[in-house]
Amino acid sequence: MKQTTCRNLRGACDAVITGETAAAMGAASKQHVMQMLQAGDAAHKQAMDEMMQLSQADQEKWYGEFVAGFAALPDA
């Protein structure tokens, strides 16, 4: 299992996000962000809005870079 922070995933805080795969970590990150949005957290709303303002190509590039670097993340 690997770990990183919400902030390292273009988020707004230092909450630790873990996952066995890049896809699992992405799902955990999404769940964290949704929880923070439901709690009314403005910083996470801003981070999500900034990510959504990226073009589809830029979002795919970012995700590809994340997947490529997944193995180098620290173990949880």
C-alpha atoms as a PDB file:
ATOM      1  CA  MET A   1       0.000   0.000   0.000  1.00  0.00           C
ATOM      2  CA  LYS A   2       1.256   3.472  -0.903  1.00  0.00           C
ATOM      3  CA  GLN A   3       0.498   6.846   0.638  1.00  0.00           C
ATOM      4  CA  THR A   4       0.511  10.514  -0.224  1.00  0.00           C
ATOM      5  CA  THR A   5      -1.360  13.576   0.927  1.00  0.00           C
ATOM      6  CA  CYS A   6      -4.456  15.303  -0.327  1.00  0.00           C
ATOM      7  CA  ARG A   7      -2.249  18.306  -1.156  1.00  0.00           C
ATOM      8  CA  ASN A   8       0.076  16.152  -3.290  1.00  0.00           C
ATOM      9  CA  LEU A   9      -3.000  15.105  -5.281  1.00  0.00           C
ATOM     10  CA  ARG A  10      -3.820  18.773  -6.005  1.00  0.00           C
ATOM     11  CA  GLY A  11      -6.019  18.943  -2.930  1.00  0.00           C
ATOM     12  CA  ALA A  12      -6.177  21.387  -0.070  1.00  0.00           C
ATOM     13  CA  CYS A  13      -4.887  19.641   3.039  1.00  0.00           C
ATOM     14  CA  ASP A  14      -2.320  17.256   4.433  1.00  0.00           C
ATOM     15  CA  ALA A  15      -4.712  14.351   5.086  1.00  0.00           C
ATOM     16  CA  VAL A  16      -3.005  11.061   4.250  1.00  0.00           C
ATOM     17  CA  ILE A  17      -4.506   9.207   1.287  1.00  0.00           C
ATOM     18  CA  THR A  18      -3.618   5.535   0.813  1.00  0.00           C
ATOM     19  CA  GLY A  19      -4.197   2.903  -1.828  1.00  0.00           C
ATOM     20  CA  GLU A  20      -2.947  -0.421  -3.172  1.00  0.00           C
ATOM     21  CA  THR A  21      -3.121   0.957  -6.722  1.00  0.00           C
ATOM     22  CA  ALA A  22      -3.214   4.377  -8.350  1.00  0.00           C
ATOM     23  CA  ALA A  23      -6.913   3.830  -9.101  1.00  0.00           C
ATOM     24  CA  ALA A  24      -7.653   2.886  -5.483  1.00  0.00           C
ATOM     25  CA  MET A  25      -5.783   5.937  -4.246  1.00  0.00           C
ATOM     26  CA  GLY A  26      -7.724   8.082  -6.696  1.00  0.00           C
ATOM     27  CA  ALA A  27     -11.002   6.680  -5.365  1.00  0.00           C
ATOM     28  CA  ALA A  28      -9.907   7.306  -1.762  1.00  0.00           C
ATOM     29  CA  SER A  29      -8.929  10.853  -2.683  1.00  0.00           C
ATOM     30  CA  LYS A  30     -12.288  11.451  -4.332  1.00  0.00           C
ATOM     31  CA  GLN A  31     -14.092  10.112  -1.252  1.00  0.00           C
ATOM     32  CA  HIS A  32     -12.036  12.426   0.995  1.00  0.00           C
ATOM     33  CA  VAL A  33     -12.789  15.454  -1.184  1.00  0.00           C
ATOM     34  CA  MET A  34     -16.515  14.648  -1.287  1.00  0.00           C
ATOM     35  CA  GLN A  35     -16.585  14.380   2.513  1.00  0.00           C
ATOM     36  CA  MET A  36     -14.832  17.719   2.825  1.00  0.00           C
ATOM     37  CA  LEU A  37     -17.213  19.337   0.331  1.00  0.00           C
ATOM     38  CA  GLN A  38     -20.215  17.989   2.222  1.00  0.00           C
ATOM     39  CA  ALA A  39     -18.720  19.541   5.355  1.00  0.00           C
ATOM     40  CA  GLY A  40     -18.596  22.870   3.539  1.00  0.00           C
ATOM     41  CA  ASP A  41     -14.820  23.140   3.294  1.00  0.00           C
ATOM     42  CA  ALA A  42     -14.070  26.104   1.022  1.00  0.00           C
ATOM     43  CA  ALA A  43     -10.422  25.175   0.405  1.00  0.00           C
ATOM     44  CA  HIS A  44     -11.377  21.775  -1.004  1.00  0.00           C
ATOM     45  CA  LYS A  45     -14.080  23.394  -3.132  1.00  0.00           C
ATOM     46  CA  GLN A  46     -11.497  25.765  -4.571  1.00  0.00           C
ATOM     47  CA  ALA A  47      -9.039  22.923  -5.249  1.00  0.00           C
ATOM     48  CA  MET A  48     -11.758  20.924  -7.002  1.00  0.00           C
ATOM     49  CA  ASP A  49     -12.798  23.934  -9.066  1.00  0.00           C
ATOM     50  CA  GLU A  50      -9.179  24.505 -10.119  1.00  0.00           C
ATOM     51  CA  MET A  51      -8.823  20.872 -11.193  1.00  0.00           C
ATOM     52  CA  MET A  52     -12.087  21.060 -13.151  1.00  0.00           C
ATOM     53  CA  GLN A  53     -10.857  24.173 -14.957  1.00  0.00           C
ATOM     54  CA  LEU A  54      -8.026  22.149 -16.500  1.00  0.00           C
ATOM     55  CA  SER A  55      -8.660  20.913 -20.001  1.00  0.00           C
ATOM     56  CA  GLN A  56      -9.475  17.230 -20.440  1.00  0.00           C
ATOM     57  CA  ALA A  57      -6.021  16.761 -21.969  1.00  0.00           C
ATOM     58  CA  ASP A  58      -4.324  18.436 -18.998  1.00  0.00           C
ATOM     59  CA  GLN A  59      -6.357  16.326 -16.544  1.00  0.00           C
ATOM     60  CA  GLU A  60      -5.342  13.167 -18.407  1.00  0.00           C
ATOM     61  CA  LYS A  61      -1.704  14.282 -18.472  1.00  0.00           C
ATOM     62  CA  TRP A  62      -1.754  14.921 -14.716  1.00  0.00           C
ATOM     63  CA  TYR A  63      -3.341  11.528 -14.039  1.00  0.00           C
ATOM     64  CA  GLY A  64      -0.842   9.793 -16.327  1.00  0.00           C
ATOM     65  CA  GLU A  65       2.028  11.394 -14.428  1.00  0.00           C
ATOM     66  CA  PHE A  66       0.438  10.329 -11.139  1.00  0.00           C
ATOM     67  CA  VAL A  67       0.075   6.724 -12.336  1.00  0.00           C
ATOM     68  CA  ALA A  68       3.656   6.698 -13.650  1.00  0.00           C
ATOM     69  CA  GLY A  69       4.976   7.919 -10.286  1.00  0.00           C
ATOM     70  CA  PHE A  70       2.737   5.755  -8.100  1.00  0.00           C
ATOM     71  CA  ALA A  71       5.384   3.094  -7.413  1.00  0.00           C
ATOM     72  CA  ALA A  72       7.767   5.762  -6.081  1.00  0.00           C
ATOM     73  CA  LEU A  73       5.318   6.935  -3.409  1.00  0.00           C
ATOM     74  CA  PRO A  74       6.190   6.001   0.184  1.00  0.00           C
ATOM     75  CA  ASP A  75       4.724   2.837   1.645  1.00  0.00           C
ATOM     76  CA  ALA A  76       1.837   3.290   4.032  1.00  0.00           C
END
